[in-house]
Amino acid sequence: MATSENIPAEEKILEAIRENPKITQKQLAAVSGLSLRGVEWNMAKLKNEGKIKRLGSDKKGTWEIVE
C-alpha cells in the first residue's frame, strides 16, 4: 500500500472530492497536506484539464469528477 507521501497531489484532491463533493479548498489543504495556494493551483489545473467541474454556486455548490 502506498503512503500518502507517494500519492500525487492531484490524486489526493480527487479522492477527497470523491469522499465529500462539498469539500472546501481549505479542507482540501488540511487533508492533502498542501498549502491553500497549492490546492488552488492543482484545482485550476484539474478544471482546465476537464477532470473536475463545479456545480452550483461558490458557497453552496459541489464538485463533480468528470472521468
C-alpha atoms as a PDB file:
ATOM      1  CA  MET A   1       0.000   0.000   0.000  1.00  0.00           C
ATOM      2  CA  ALA A   2       1.344   3.430  -0.930  1.00  0.00           C
ATOM      3  CA  THR A   3       1.980   6.001   1.749  1.00  0.00           C
ATOM      4  CA  SER A   4       0.373   9.414   1.451  1.00  0.00           C
ATOM      5  CA  GLU A   5       3.773  10.914   0.536  1.00  0.00           C
ATOM      6  CA  ASN A   6       3.856   8.795  -2.647  1.00  0.00           C
ATOM      7  CA  ILE A   7       0.386   9.818  -3.843  1.00  0.00           C
ATOM      8  CA  PRO A   8       0.387  12.748  -6.300  1.00  0.00           C
ATOM      9  CA  ALA A   9      -1.376  15.908  -5.101  1.00  0.00           C
ATOM     10  CA  GLU A  10      -3.997  15.631  -7.851  1.00  0.00           C
ATOM     11  CA  GLU A  11      -4.940  12.133  -6.703  1.00  0.00           C
ATOM     12  CA  LYS A  12      -5.232  13.266  -3.081  1.00  0.00           C
ATOM     13  CA  ILE A  13      -7.584  16.053  -4.176  1.00  0.00           C
ATOM     14  CA  LEU A  14      -9.673  13.768  -6.400  1.00  0.00           C
ATOM     15  CA  GLU A  15     -10.002  11.174  -3.625  1.00  0.00           C
ATOM     16  CA  ALA A  16     -11.111  13.831  -1.137  1.00  0.00           C
ATOM     17  CA  ILE A  17     -13.712  15.111  -3.628  1.00  0.00           C
ATOM     18  CA  ARG A  18     -14.981  11.552  -4.160  1.00  0.00           C
ATOM     19  CA  GLU A  19     -15.461  11.215  -0.399  1.00  0.00           C
ATOM     20  CA  ASN A  20     -17.038  14.667   0.050  1.00  0.00           C
ATOM     21  CA  PRO A  21     -18.195  16.588  -3.055  1.00  0.00           C
ATOM     22  CA  LYS A  22     -18.963  19.629  -0.860  1.00  0.00           C
ATOM     23  CA  ILE A  23     -15.379  19.876   0.431  1.00  0.00           C
ATOM     24  CA  THR A  24     -13.830  23.345   0.552  1.00  0.00           C
ATOM     25  CA  GLN A  25     -10.370  24.291  -0.646  1.00  0.00           C
ATOM     26  CA  LYS A  26      -9.384  24.985   2.968  1.00  0.00           C
ATOM     27  CA  GLN A  27     -10.485  21.455   3.929  1.00  0.00           C
ATOM     28  CA  LEU A  28      -8.625  20.042   0.913  1.00  0.00           C
ATOM     29  CA  ALA A  29      -5.457  21.763   2.106  1.00  0.00           C
ATOM     30  CA  ALA A  30      -5.841  20.124   5.522  1.00  0.00           C
ATOM     31  CA  VAL A  31      -6.428  16.580   4.206  1.00  0.00           C
ATOM     32  CA  SER A  32      -3.884  16.730   1.373  1.00  0.00           C
ATOM     33  CA  GLY A  33      -1.052  18.387   3.256  1.00  0.00           C
ATOM     34  CA  LEU A  34      -0.770  21.074   0.576  1.00  0.00           C
ATOM     35  CA  SER A  35      -0.835  24.803   1.163  1.00  0.00           C
ATOM     36  CA  LEU A  36      -4.042  26.617   0.245  1.00  0.00           C
ATOM     37  CA  ARG A  37      -2.199  28.073  -2.765  1.00  0.00           C
ATOM     38  CA  GLY A  38      -1.076  24.567  -3.748  1.00  0.00           C
ATOM     39  CA  VAL A  39      -4.688  23.377  -3.627  1.00  0.00           C
ATOM     40  CA  GLU A  40      -5.833  26.375  -5.693  1.00  0.00           C
ATOM     41  CA  TRP A  41      -3.146  25.671  -8.311  1.00  0.00           C
ATOM     42  CA  ASN A  42      -3.990  21.967  -8.543  1.00  0.00           C
ATOM     43  CA  MET A  43      -7.742  22.647  -8.660  1.00  0.00           C
ATOM     44  CA  ALA A  44      -7.251  25.137 -11.514  1.00  0.00           C
ATOM     45  CA  LYS A  45      -5.154  22.544 -13.361  1.00  0.00           C
ATOM     46  CA  LEU A  46      -7.801  19.845 -12.852  1.00  0.00           C
ATOM     47  CA  LYS A  47     -10.542  22.217 -14.053  1.00  0.00           C
ATOM     48  CA  ASN A  48      -8.531  23.225 -17.147  1.00  0.00           C
ATOM     49  CA  GLU A  49      -7.921  19.542 -17.963  1.00  0.00           C
ATOM     50  CA  GLY A  50     -11.659  18.877 -17.665  1.00  0.00           C
ATOM     51  CA  LYS A  51     -11.229  16.403 -14.800  1.00  0.00           C
ATOM     52  CA  ILE A  52     -13.452  18.295 -12.344  1.00  0.00           C
ATOM     53  CA  LYS A  53     -16.167  20.896 -12.531  1.00  0.00           C
ATOM     54  CA  ARG A  54     -18.112  22.990 -10.075  1.00  0.00           C
ATOM     55  CA  LEU A  55     -21.872  22.552  -9.879  1.00  0.00           C
ATOM     56  CA  GLY A  56     -23.854  25.363  -8.295  1.00  0.00           C
ATOM     57  CA  SER A  57     -22.629  28.440  -6.505  1.00  0.00           C
ATOM     58  CA  ASP A  58     -19.206  29.017  -4.983  1.00  0.00           C
ATOM     59  CA  LYS A  59     -20.625  28.753  -1.447  1.00  0.00           C
ATOM     60  CA  LYS A  60     -23.316  26.095  -1.745  1.00  0.00           C
ATOM     61  CA  GLY A  61     -22.109  24.168  -4.780  1.00  0.00           C
ATOM     62  CA  THR A  62     -20.431  20.793  -5.106  1.00  0.00           C
ATOM     63  CA  TRP A  63     -17.514  19.388  -7.063  1.00  0.00           C
ATOM     64  CA  GLU A  64     -18.051  16.768  -9.729  1.00  0.00           C
ATOM     65  CA  ILE A  65     -15.330  14.487 -11.075  1.00  0.00           C
ATOM     66  CA  VAL A  66     -15.592  14.115 -14.844  1.00  0.00           C
ATOM     67  CA  GLU A  67     -13.924  10.841 -15.812  1.00  0.00           C
END
